[in-house]
Amino acid sequence: METKSASSPLINKACELIAQAFENQDWPGLRLLPIADQLGLSPWQFQRQFKDTLGISPREYITARKLELFRGAVKSGDEISGASFESGFGSSSRLYEQAQTALGMTPASYKKGGAGLNIHYAIADCNLGRLLIAATDRGLCFLAIDEKDDFLIENLTGEFPKAKSITKDQELLGSALEDVINYLEGKAPHPDLPLDVQATAFQRRVWLELLAIPPGQTRSYAEMAERLDLPSGQRAVARACASNKVALVIPCHRVIRSDGAYGGYRWGLGRKKILLDWEKEQGGERASH
């Protein structure tokens, strides 16, 4: 696993804590929150400082370490299921999930309406218009696209009417904003950002299925329902997609109707078409190389 060398005392300490957790097989201790707490940082601050120092996110670093353990165990003759457990994945399905995407969702810490939250946001131009991202101190909680900043801010405040504060901070969220824009412009893979999203268990199941759809491909609402063992659950899947507050990071645009029509998209069908066409084109280019 090749990374930049750690030059920050805090990040050196983080790497030591991660190494200790692996040595003790303390898998819960490898989550962002307990590590950040021991460093006196919020998960969001820890995520940013770690990535700025090492060039990868904490989740990517930890997953890479787990995969190294897994490969070593398999080479030593262990069965897949046993190697998955011993390397901290817990199950082969969890291994697949983390190997495919390092994107994680922290349990939402806020009540309905964002009561008591301090939320920061940043806005920049992207190839789909104006892009707004917003975050709590735990992670990304909202993403929106439009042509007018006022409309974006109204959407944000409408989602979190009980927030303690909602303030603009381009510096705090600058690197996360850049990650999303680079992804949209084809300069970087899917952004790996900590999330703080409120969701039901079913919505999280749907969102994990969304994350499993490769760029350049689509699934119908019916196919998604079948994967979730809900043969008649197309409408429930559609509602879960519509409730996604962090579009693009959780790619609900990759779900269409069975007849090939685009269906709905909160930020406009024109943008959905642009996203799907671009991802299909990028997928074709990768396949030809």
C-alpha atoms as a PDB file:
ATOM      1  CA  MET A   1       0.000   0.000   0.000  1.00  0.00           C
ATOM      2  CA  GLU A   2       1.767   3.149  -1.230  1.00  0.00           C
ATOM      3  CA  THR A   3       0.952   6.433   0.512  1.00  0.00           C
ATOM      4  CA  LYS A   4       2.634   9.696   1.331  1.00  0.00           C
ATOM      5  CA  SER A   5       4.777   9.587   4.468  1.00  0.00           C
ATOM      6  CA  ALA A   6       3.073  10.830   7.634  1.00  0.00           C
ATOM      7  CA  SER A   7       4.629  14.070   8.877  1.00  0.00           C
ATOM      8  CA  SER A   8       1.887  15.123  11.279  1.00  0.00           C
ATOM      9  CA  PRO A   9       2.190  14.014  14.937  1.00  0.00           C
ATOM     10  CA  LEU A  10      -1.592  13.599  15.066  1.00  0.00           C
ATOM     11  CA  ILE A  11      -1.672  11.367  11.999  1.00  0.00           C
ATOM     12  CA  ASN A  12       1.338   9.415  13.257  1.00  0.00           C
ATOM     13  CA  LYS A  13      -0.665   8.826  16.428  1.00  0.00           C
ATOM     14  CA  ALA A  14      -3.683   7.792  14.342  1.00  0.00           C
ATOM     15  CA  CYS A  15      -1.593   5.205  12.495  1.00  0.00           C
ATOM     16  CA  GLU A  16      -0.341   3.881  15.837  1.00  0.00           C
ATOM     17  CA  LEU A  17      -3.933   3.568  17.113  1.00  0.00           C
ATOM     18  CA  ILE A  18      -4.923   1.733  13.929  1.00  0.00           C
ATOM     19  CA  ALA A  19      -1.943  -0.621  14.259  1.00  0.00           C
ATOM     20  CA  GLN A  20      -2.870  -1.328  17.890  1.00  0.00           C
ATOM     21  CA  ALA A  21      -6.476  -2.049  16.935  1.00  0.00           C
ATOM     22  CA  PHE A  22      -5.316  -4.534  14.293  1.00  0.00           C
ATOM     23  CA  GLU A  23      -2.924  -6.193  16.740  1.00  0.00           C
ATOM     24  CA  ASN A  24      -5.715  -6.563  19.327  1.00  0.00           C
ATOM     25  CA  GLN A  25      -8.339  -7.426  16.684  1.00  0.00           C
ATOM     26  CA  ASP A  26     -10.357  -4.516  18.049  1.00  0.00           C
ATOM     27  CA  TRP A  27     -12.473  -4.079  14.931  1.00  0.00           C
ATOM     28  CA  PRO A  28     -14.930  -1.530  16.451  1.00  0.00           C
ATOM     29  CA  GLY A  29     -11.878   0.549  17.377  1.00  0.00           C
ATOM     30  CA  LEU A  30     -11.119   1.002  13.670  1.00  0.00           C
ATOM     31  CA  ARG A  31     -14.170   3.177  13.084  1.00  0.00           C
ATOM     32  CA  LEU A  32     -13.672   6.875  12.434  1.00  0.00           C
ATOM     33  CA  LEU A  33     -15.442   8.084  15.578  1.00  0.00           C
ATOM     34  CA  PRO A  34     -13.390   6.229  18.240  1.00  0.00           C
ATOM     35  CA  ILE A  35     -10.094   7.094  16.537  1.00  0.00           C
ATOM     36  CA  ALA A  36     -11.075  10.747  16.125  1.00  0.00           C
ATOM     37  CA  ASP A  37     -12.225  10.914  19.765  1.00  0.00           C
ATOM     38  CA  GLN A  38      -8.821   9.701  20.969  1.00  0.00           C
ATOM     39  CA  LEU A  39      -7.153  12.415  18.871  1.00  0.00           C
ATOM     40  CA  GLY A  40      -9.492  15.138  20.099  1.00  0.00           C
ATOM     41  CA  LEU A  41     -10.885  15.722  16.601  1.00  0.00           C
ATOM     42  CA  SER A  42     -14.268  15.416  14.989  1.00  0.00           C
ATOM     43  CA  PRO A  43     -14.507  12.593  12.416  1.00  0.00           C
ATOM     44  CA  TRP A  44     -14.747  15.268   9.722  1.00  0.00           C
ATOM     45  CA  GLN A  45     -11.538  16.993  10.875  1.00  0.00           C
ATOM     46  CA  PHE A  46      -9.790  13.643  11.236  1.00  0.00           C
ATOM     47  CA  GLN A  47     -10.860  12.611   7.717  1.00  0.00           C
ATOM     48  CA  ARG A  48      -9.523  15.824   6.211  1.00  0.00           C
ATOM     49  CA  GLN A  49      -6.203  15.897   8.104  1.00  0.00           C
ATOM     50  CA  PHE A  50      -5.532  12.213   7.430  1.00  0.00           C
ATOM     51  CA  LYS A  51      -6.180  12.589   3.700  1.00  0.00           C
ATOM     52  CA  ASP A  52      -4.157  15.814   3.468  1.00  0.00           C
ATOM     53  CA  THR A  53      -1.191  14.078   5.163  1.00  0.00           C
ATOM     54  CA  LEU A  54      -1.254  10.589   3.620  1.00  0.00           C
ATOM     55  CA  GLY A  55      -3.123  11.174   0.363  1.00  0.00           C
ATOM     56  CA  ILE A  56      -5.850   8.630   1.140  1.00  0.00           C
ATOM     57  CA  SER A  57      -8.795   8.588   3.521  1.00  0.00           C
ATOM     58  CA  PRO A  58      -8.721   6.735   6.870  1.00  0.00           C
ATOM     59  CA  ARG A  59     -11.309   4.298   5.530  1.00  0.00           C
ATOM     60  CA  GLU A  60      -9.188   3.530   2.450  1.00  0.00           C
ATOM     61  CA  TYR A  61      -6.131   3.058   4.687  1.00  0.00           C
ATOM     62  CA  ILE A  62      -7.951   0.704   7.064  1.00  0.00           C
ATOM     63  CA  THR A  63      -9.596  -1.259   4.241  1.00  0.00           C
ATOM     64  CA  ALA A  64      -6.220  -1.660   2.530  1.00  0.00           C
ATOM     65  CA  ARG A  65      -4.735  -3.003   5.783  1.00  0.00           C
ATOM     66  CA  LYS A  66      -7.654  -5.451   6.126  1.00  0.00           C
ATOM     67  CA  LEU A  67      -7.206  -6.607   2.545  1.00  0.00           C
ATOM     68  CA  GLU A  68      -3.490  -7.177   3.174  1.00  0.00           C
ATOM     69  CA  LEU A  69      -4.380  -9.389   6.147  1.00  0.00           C
ATOM     70  CA  PHE A  70      -7.030 -11.171   4.083  1.00  0.00           C
ATOM     71  CA  ARG A  71      -4.657 -11.919   1.206  1.00  0.00           C
ATOM     72  CA  GLY A  72      -2.011 -13.154   3.634  1.00  0.00           C
ATOM     73  CA  ALA A  73      -4.488 -15.476   5.364  1.00  0.00           C
ATOM     74  CA  VAL A  74      -5.726 -16.905   2.060  1.00  0.00           C
ATOM     75  CA  LYS A  75      -2.157 -17.488   0.858  1.00  0.00           C
ATOM     76  CA  SER A  76      -1.546 -19.368   4.104  1.00  0.00           C
ATOM     77  CA  GLY A  77      -4.373 -21.743   3.244  1.00  0.00           C
ATOM     78  CA  ASP A  78      -7.286 -20.279   5.219  1.00  0.00           C
ATOM     79  CA  GLU A  79     -10.800 -20.592   3.835  1.00  0.00           C
ATOM     80  CA  ILE A  80     -12.388 -17.401   2.454  1.00  0.00           C
ATOM     81  CA  SER A  81     -14.948 -17.185   5.256  1.00  0.00           C
ATOM     82  CA  GLY A  82     -12.334 -17.666   7.968  1.00  0.00           C
ATOM     83  CA  ALA A  83      -9.912 -15.233   6.365  1.00  0.00           C
ATOM     84  CA  SER A  84     -12.686 -12.620   6.103  1.00  0.00           C
ATOM     85  CA  PHE A  85     -13.420 -12.916   9.802  1.00  0.00           C
ATOM     86  CA  GLU A  86      -9.784 -12.929  10.908  1.00  0.00           C
ATOM     87  CA  SER A  87      -8.976  -9.830   8.841  1.00  0.00           C
ATOM     88  CA  GLY A  88     -11.795  -7.828  10.371  1.00  0.00           C
ATOM     89  CA  PHE A  89     -14.414  -7.952   7.633  1.00  0.00           C
ATOM     90  CA  GLY A  90     -16.666 -10.209   9.699  1.00  0.00           C
ATOM     91  CA  SER A  91     -18.181 -11.976   6.677  1.00  0.00           C
ATOM     92  CA  SER A  92     -17.514 -12.533   2.985  1.00  0.00           C
ATOM     93  CA  SER A  93     -20.406 -10.199   2.119  1.00  0.00           C
ATOM     94  CA  ARG A  94     -18.821  -7.473   4.244  1.00  0.00           C
ATOM     95  CA  LEU A  95     -15.496  -8.140   2.528  1.00  0.00           C
ATOM     96  CA  TYR A  96     -17.168  -7.640  -0.865  1.00  0.00           C
ATOM     97  CA  GLU A  97     -18.924  -4.502   0.296  1.00  0.00           C
ATOM     98  CA  GLN A  98     -15.780  -2.828   1.619  1.00  0.00           C
ATOM     99  CA  ALA A  99     -13.585  -4.002  -1.231  1.00  0.00           C
ATOM    100  CA  GLN A 100     -16.001  -2.493  -3.749  1.00  0.00           C
ATOM    101  CA  THR A 101     -16.445   0.849  -1.996  1.00  0.00           C
ATOM    102  CA  ALA A 102     -14.794   2.524   0.954  1.00  0.00           C
ATOM    103  CA  LEU A 103     -17.716   4.894   1.306  1.00  0.00           C
ATOM    104  CA  GLY A 104     -19.209   4.624   4.776  1.00  0.00           C
ATOM    105  CA  MET A 105     -22.289   5.949   6.473  1.00  0.00           C
ATOM    106  CA  THR A 106     -22.105   6.998  10.093  1.00  0.00           C
ATOM    107  CA  PRO A 107     -25.284   6.636  12.171  1.00  0.00           C
ATOM    108  CA  ALA A 108     -27.095   9.972  12.079  1.00  0.00           C
ATOM    109  CA  SER A 109     -26.630  11.795  15.364  1.00  0.00           C
ATOM    110  CA  TYR A 110     -29.354  14.345  14.870  1.00  0.00           C
ATOM    111  CA  LYS A 111     -33.080  14.483  15.447  1.00  0.00           C
ATOM    112  CA  LYS A 112     -35.643  15.300  12.780  1.00  0.00           C
ATOM    113  CA  GLY A 113     -34.994  18.655  11.147  1.00  0.00           C
ATOM    114  CA  GLY A 114     -31.352  18.739  12.239  1.00  0.00           C
ATOM    115  CA  ALA A 115     -32.181  19.985  15.749  1.00  0.00           C
ATOM    116  CA  GLY A 116     -29.093  21.354  17.488  1.00  0.00           C
ATOM    117  CA  LEU A 117     -26.720  20.805  14.568  1.00  0.00           C
ATOM    118  CA  ASN A 118     -23.999  23.157  13.390  1.00  0.00           C
ATOM    119  CA  ILE A 119     -23.874  22.782   9.617  1.00  0.00           C
ATOM    120  CA  HIS A 120     -21.293  24.247   7.254  1.00  0.00           C
ATOM    121  CA  TYR A 121     -21.658  24.484   3.495  1.00  0.00           C
ATOM    122  CA  ALA A 122     -19.643  25.418   0.428  1.00  0.00           C
ATOM    123  CA  ILE A 123     -20.640  26.215  -3.167  1.00  0.00           C
ATOM    124  CA  ALA A 124     -18.708  26.067  -6.455  1.00  0.00           C
ATOM    125  CA  ASP A 125     -19.229  25.779 -10.201  1.00  0.00           C
ATOM    126  CA  CYS A 126     -19.294  22.298 -11.733  1.00  0.00           C
ATOM    127  CA  ASN A 127     -20.229  20.857 -15.118  1.00  0.00           C
ATOM    128  CA  LEU A 128     -23.862  20.479 -13.948  1.00  0.00           C
ATOM    129  CA  GLY A 129     -24.295  24.028 -12.688  1.00  0.00           C
ATOM    130  CA  ARG A 130     -23.716  25.296  -9.160  1.00  0.00           C
ATOM    131  CA  LEU A 131     -22.865  22.581  -6.622  1.00  0.00           C
ATOM    132  CA  LEU A 132     -23.534  22.883  -2.887  1.00  0.00           C
ATOM    133  CA  ILE A 133     -22.260  20.426  -0.298  1.00  0.00           C
ATOM    134  CA  ALA A 134     -23.008  20.664   3.423  1.00  0.00           C
ATOM    135  CA  ALA A 135     -21.621  18.794   6.400  1.00  0.00           C
ATOM    136  CA  THR A 136     -21.948  18.334  10.122  1.00  0.00           C
ATOM    137  CA  ASP A 137     -18.796  17.718  12.136  1.00  0.00           C
ATOM    138  CA  ARG A 138     -19.362  13.990  11.462  1.00  0.00           C
ATOM    139  CA  GLY A 139     -19.644  14.081   7.686  1.00  0.00           C
ATOM    140  CA  LEU A 140     -21.476  15.118   4.550  1.00  0.00           C
ATOM    141  CA  CYS A 141     -25.205  15.573   5.184  1.00  0.00           C
ATOM    142  CA  PHE A 142     -26.514  17.284   2.035  1.00  0.00           C
ATOM    143  CA  LEU A 143     -25.664  17.848  -1.638  1.00  0.00           C
ATOM    144  CA  ALA A 144     -27.580  19.928  -4.173  1.00  0.00           C
ATOM    145  CA  ILE A 145     -27.220  21.164  -7.755  1.00  0.00           C
ATOM    146  CA  ASP A 146     -28.940  24.147  -9.432  1.00  0.00           C
ATOM    147  CA  GLU A 147     -28.168  27.337 -11.296  1.00  0.00           C
ATOM    148  CA  LYS A 148     -28.863  29.752  -8.434  1.00  0.00           C
ATOM    149  CA  ASP A 149     -27.109  29.887  -5.073  1.00  0.00           C
ATOM    150  CA  ASP A 150     -30.207  31.251  -3.338  1.00  0.00           C
ATOM    151  CA  PHE A 151     -32.206  28.191  -4.405  1.00  0.00           C
ATOM    152  CA  LEU A 152     -29.469  25.844  -3.162  1.00  0.00           C
ATOM    153  CA  ILE A 153     -29.317  27.545   0.238  1.00  0.00           C
ATOM    154  CA  GLU A 154     -33.129  27.495   0.512  1.00  0.00           C
ATOM    155  CA  ASN A 155     -33.061  23.736  -0.115  1.00  0.00           C
ATOM    156  CA  LEU A 156     -30.416  23.269   2.565  1.00  0.00           C
ATOM    157  CA  THR A 157     -32.253  25.297   5.192  1.00  0.00           C
ATOM    158  CA  GLY A 158     -35.492  23.545   4.214  1.00  0.00           C
ATOM    159  CA  GLU A 159     -33.912  20.158   4.939  1.00  0.00           C
ATOM    160  CA  PHE A 160     -32.570  21.273   8.326  1.00  0.00           C
ATOM    161  CA  PRO A 161     -35.029  23.894   9.654  1.00  0.00           C
ATOM    162  CA  LYS A 162     -34.091  23.210  13.295  1.00  0.00           C
ATOM    163  CA  ALA A 163     -30.314  23.407  12.850  1.00  0.00           C
ATOM    164  CA  LYS A 164     -28.499  25.490  15.449  1.00  0.00           C
ATOM    165  CA  SER A 165     -26.480  27.205  12.724  1.00  0.00           C
ATOM    166  CA  ILE A 166     -25.938  26.976   8.969  1.00  0.00           C
ATOM    167  CA  THR A 167     -22.863  28.867   7.824  1.00  0.00           C
ATOM    168  CA  LYS A 168     -20.735  29.041   4.707  1.00  0.00           C
ATOM    169  CA  ASP A 169     -17.154  27.763   5.044  1.00  0.00           C
ATOM    170  CA  GLN A 170     -15.325  27.262   1.752  1.00  0.00           C
ATOM    171  CA  GLU A 171     -12.025  26.526   3.494  1.00  0.00           C
ATOM    172  CA  LEU A 172     -13.361  23.737   5.734  1.00  0.00           C
ATOM    173  CA  LEU A 173     -15.133  21.921   2.902  1.00  0.00           C
ATOM    174  CA  GLY A 174     -12.818  22.903   0.080  1.00  0.00           C
ATOM    175  CA  SER A 175     -11.124  19.523  -0.307  1.00  0.00           C
ATOM    176  CA  ALA A 176     -14.437  17.634  -0.180  1.00  0.00           C
ATOM    177  CA  LEU A 177     -15.938  19.977  -2.763  1.00  0.00           C
ATOM    178  CA  GLU A 178     -12.903  19.428  -4.987  1.00  0.00           C
ATOM    179  CA  ASP A 179     -13.286  15.643  -4.645  1.00  0.00           C
ATOM    180  CA  VAL A 180     -16.893  15.759  -5.888  1.00  0.00           C
ATOM    181  CA  ILE A 181     -16.077  18.145  -8.759  1.00  0.00           C
ATOM    182  CA  ASN A 182     -13.074  16.074  -9.863  1.00  0.00           C
ATOM    183  CA  TYR A 183     -15.328  13.015  -9.895  1.00  0.00           C
ATOM    184  CA  LEU A 184     -17.889  14.834 -12.040  1.00  0.00           C
ATOM    185  CA  GLU A 185     -15.170  15.955 -14.444  1.00  0.00           C
ATOM    186  CA  GLY A 186     -13.688  12.469 -14.769  1.00  0.00           C
ATOM    187  CA  LYS A 187     -10.457  13.390 -12.999  1.00  0.00           C
ATOM    188  CA  ALA A 188     -10.952  11.143  -9.959  1.00  0.00           C
ATOM    189  CA  PRO A 189     -12.862   8.005  -8.913  1.00  0.00           C
ATOM    190  CA  HIS A 190     -15.968   7.975  -6.763  1.00  0.00           C
ATOM    191  CA  PRO A 191     -15.404  10.379  -3.826  1.00  0.00           C
ATOM    192  CA  ASP A 192     -14.688   8.704  -0.495  1.00  0.00           C
ATOM    193  CA  LEU A 193     -16.260  11.064   2.050  1.00  0.00           C
ATOM    194  CA  PRO A 194     -17.627  10.469   5.534  1.00  0.00           C
ATOM    195  CA  LEU A 195     -21.404  10.761   5.598  1.00  0.00           C
ATOM    196  CA  ASP A 196     -23.816  11.811   8.313  1.00  0.00           C
ATOM    197  CA  VAL A 197     -27.190  10.906   6.836  1.00  0.00           C
ATOM    198  CA  GLN A 198     -30.484  10.161   8.516  1.00  0.00           C
ATOM    199  CA  ALA A 199     -32.075   7.035   7.079  1.00  0.00           C
ATOM    200  CA  THR A 200     -34.236   4.058   7.904  1.00  0.00           C
ATOM    201  CA  ALA A 201     -32.777   0.558   7.767  1.00  0.00           C
ATOM    202  CA  PHE A 202     -34.564  -0.011   4.450  1.00  0.00           C
ATOM    203  CA  GLN A 203     -33.221   3.198   2.933  1.00  0.00           C
ATOM    204  CA  ARG A 204     -29.687   2.165   3.888  1.00  0.00           C
ATOM    205  CA  ARG A 205     -30.217  -1.221   2.217  1.00  0.00           C
ATOM    206  CA  VAL A 206     -31.324   0.534  -0.969  1.00  0.00           C
ATOM    207  CA  TRP A 207     -28.391   2.943  -0.841  1.00  0.00           C
ATOM    208  CA  LEU A 208     -25.892   0.110  -0.473  1.00  0.00           C
ATOM    209  CA  GLU A 209     -27.414  -1.470  -3.584  1.00  0.00           C
ATOM    210  CA  LEU A 210     -26.998   1.869  -5.366  1.00  0.00           C
ATOM    211  CA  LEU A 211     -23.323   1.919  -4.424  1.00  0.00           C
ATOM    212  CA  ALA A 212     -22.918  -1.549  -5.936  1.00  0.00           C
ATOM    213  CA  ILE A 213     -24.042  -0.361  -9.414  1.00  0.00           C
ATOM    214  CA  PRO A 214     -20.874   0.151 -11.498  1.00  0.00           C
ATOM    215  CA  PRO A 215     -20.457   3.538 -13.225  1.00  0.00           C
ATOM    216  CA  GLY A 216     -21.789   3.343 -16.759  1.00  0.00           C
ATOM    217  CA  GLN A 217     -24.488   0.827 -15.837  1.00  0.00           C
ATOM    218  CA  THR A 218     -28.070   1.183 -14.637  1.00  0.00           C
ATOM    219  CA  ARG A 219     -30.660  -0.867 -12.766  1.00  0.00           C
ATOM    220  CA  SER A 220     -34.415  -0.612 -12.991  1.00  0.00           C
ATOM    221  CA  TYR A 221     -36.523   0.004  -9.916  1.00  0.00           C
ATOM    222  CA  ALA A 222     -37.896  -3.533 -10.390  1.00  0.00           C
ATOM    223  CA  GLU A 223     -34.393  -5.046 -10.521  1.00  0.00           C
ATOM    224  CA  MET A 224     -33.451  -3.175  -7.361  1.00  0.00           C
ATOM    225  CA  ALA A 225     -36.571  -4.493  -5.621  1.00  0.00           C
ATOM    226  CA  GLU A 226     -35.756  -8.069  -6.656  1.00  0.00           C
ATOM    227  CA  ARG A 227     -32.231  -7.731  -5.271  1.00  0.00           C
ATOM    228  CA  LEU A 228     -33.779  -6.681  -1.967  1.00  0.00           C
ATOM    229  CA  ASP A 229     -36.197  -9.655  -2.026  1.00  0.00           C
ATOM    230  CA  LEU A 230     -39.155  -7.317  -2.524  1.00  0.00           C
ATOM    231  CA  PRO A 231     -40.640  -8.351  -5.897  1.00  0.00           C
ATOM    232  CA  SER A 232     -43.393  -5.717  -5.627  1.00  0.00           C
ATOM    233  CA  GLY A 233     -41.274  -3.075  -3.953  1.00  0.00           C
ATOM    234  CA  GLN A 234     -40.522  -0.771  -6.892  1.00  0.00           C
ATOM    235  CA  ARG A 235     -42.342   2.175  -5.324  1.00  0.00           C
ATOM    236  CA  ALA A 236     -40.570   1.677  -2.003  1.00  0.00           C
ATOM    237  CA  VAL A 237     -37.233   1.663  -3.841  1.00  0.00           C
ATOM    238  CA  ALA A 238     -38.196   4.834  -5.711  1.00  0.00           C
ATOM    239  CA  ARG A 239     -39.091   6.557  -2.426  1.00  0.00           C
ATOM    240  CA  ALA A 240     -35.765   5.518  -0.901  1.00  0.00           C
ATOM    241  CA  CYS A 241     -33.925   6.944  -3.924  1.00  0.00           C
ATOM    242  CA  ALA A 242     -35.894  10.191  -3.656  1.00  0.00           C
ATOM    243  CA  SER A 243     -34.968  10.485   0.036  1.00  0.00           C
ATOM    244  CA  ASN A 244     -31.233  10.436  -0.754  1.00  0.00           C
ATOM    245  CA  LYS A 245     -29.843  13.776   0.474  1.00  0.00           C
ATOM    246  CA  VAL A 246     -26.332  13.154  -0.839  1.00  0.00           C
ATOM    247  CA  ALA A 247     -26.951  12.487  -4.523  1.00  0.00           C
ATOM    248  CA  LEU A 248     -23.854  11.752  -6.641  1.00  0.00           C
ATOM    249  CA  VAL A 249     -22.004  10.398  -3.606  1.00  0.00           C
ATOM    250  CA  ILE A 250     -24.826   7.844  -3.317  1.00  0.00           C
ATOM    251  CA  PRO A 251     -25.609   7.444  -7.057  1.00  0.00           C
ATOM    252  CA  CYS A 252     -29.422   7.309  -7.237  1.00  0.00           C
ATOM    253  CA  HIS A 253     -29.175   8.600 -10.829  1.00  0.00           C
ATOM    254  CA  ARG A 254     -28.229   5.050 -11.911  1.00  0.00           C
ATOM    255  CA  VAL A 255     -31.780   3.755 -11.347  1.00  0.00           C
ATOM    256  CA  ILE A 256     -34.251   4.041 -14.225  1.00  0.00           C
ATOM    257  CA  ARG A 257     -37.661   2.671 -15.181  1.00  0.00           C
ATOM    258  CA  SER A 258     -38.094  -0.808 -16.675  1.00  0.00           C
ATOM    259  CA  ASP A 259     -39.098   0.693 -20.040  1.00  0.00           C
ATOM    260  CA  GLY A 260     -35.801   2.593 -20.247  1.00  0.00           C
ATOM    261  CA  ALA A 261     -37.277   5.975 -19.324  1.00  0.00           C
ATOM    262  CA  TYR A 262     -35.212   7.957 -16.851  1.00  0.00           C
ATOM    263  CA  GLY A 263     -37.868   8.176 -14.161  1.00  0.00           C
ATOM    264  CA  GLY A 264     -37.413  10.958 -11.624  1.00  0.00           C
ATOM    265  CA  TYR A 265     -34.399  12.889 -10.384  1.00  0.00           C
ATOM    266  CA  ARG A 266     -34.492  15.625  -7.789  1.00  0.00           C
ATOM    267  CA  TRP A 267     -32.023  17.833  -9.638  1.00  0.00           C
ATOM    268  CA  GLY A 268     -33.634  17.463 -13.063  1.00  0.00           C
ATOM    269  CA  LEU A 269     -33.863  14.791 -15.749  1.00  0.00           C
ATOM    270  CA  GLY A 270     -31.469  16.765 -17.940  1.00  0.00           C
ATOM    271  CA  ARG A 271     -28.749  16.391 -15.325  1.00  0.00           C
ATOM    272  CA  LYS A 272     -29.599  12.711 -14.863  1.00  0.00           C
ATOM    273  CA  LYS A 273     -29.157  12.145 -18.600  1.00  0.00           C
ATOM    274  CA  ILE A 274     -25.824  14.015 -18.597  1.00  0.00           C
ATOM    275  CA  LEU A 275     -24.558  11.913 -15.690  1.00  0.00           C
ATOM    276  CA  LEU A 276     -25.607   8.605 -17.241  1.00  0.00           C
ATOM    277  CA  ASP A 277     -24.262   9.479 -20.696  1.00  0.00           C
ATOM    278  CA  TRP A 278     -20.948  10.639 -19.230  1.00  0.00           C
ATOM    279  CA  GLU A 279     -20.549   7.531 -17.057  1.00  0.00           C
ATOM    280  CA  LYS A 280     -21.377   5.266 -19.992  1.00  0.00           C
ATOM    281  CA  GLU A 281     -18.795   7.054 -22.126  1.00  0.00           C
ATOM    282  CA  GLN A 282     -16.153   6.836 -19.390  1.00  0.00           C
ATOM    283  CA  GLY A 283     -16.923   3.157 -18.869  1.00  0.00           C
ATOM    284  CA  GLY A 284     -16.474   2.497 -22.573  1.00  0.00           C
ATOM    285  CA  GLU A 285     -13.144   4.307 -22.611  1.00  0.00           C
ATOM    286  CA  ARG A 286     -11.864   2.286 -19.642  1.00  0.00           C
ATOM    287  CA  ALA A 287     -12.968  -0.976 -21.268  1.00  0.00           C
ATOM    288  CA  SER A 288     -11.075  -0.148 -24.490  1.00  0.00           C
ATOM    289  CA  HIS A 289      -7.766   0.479 -22.665  1.00  0.00           C
END
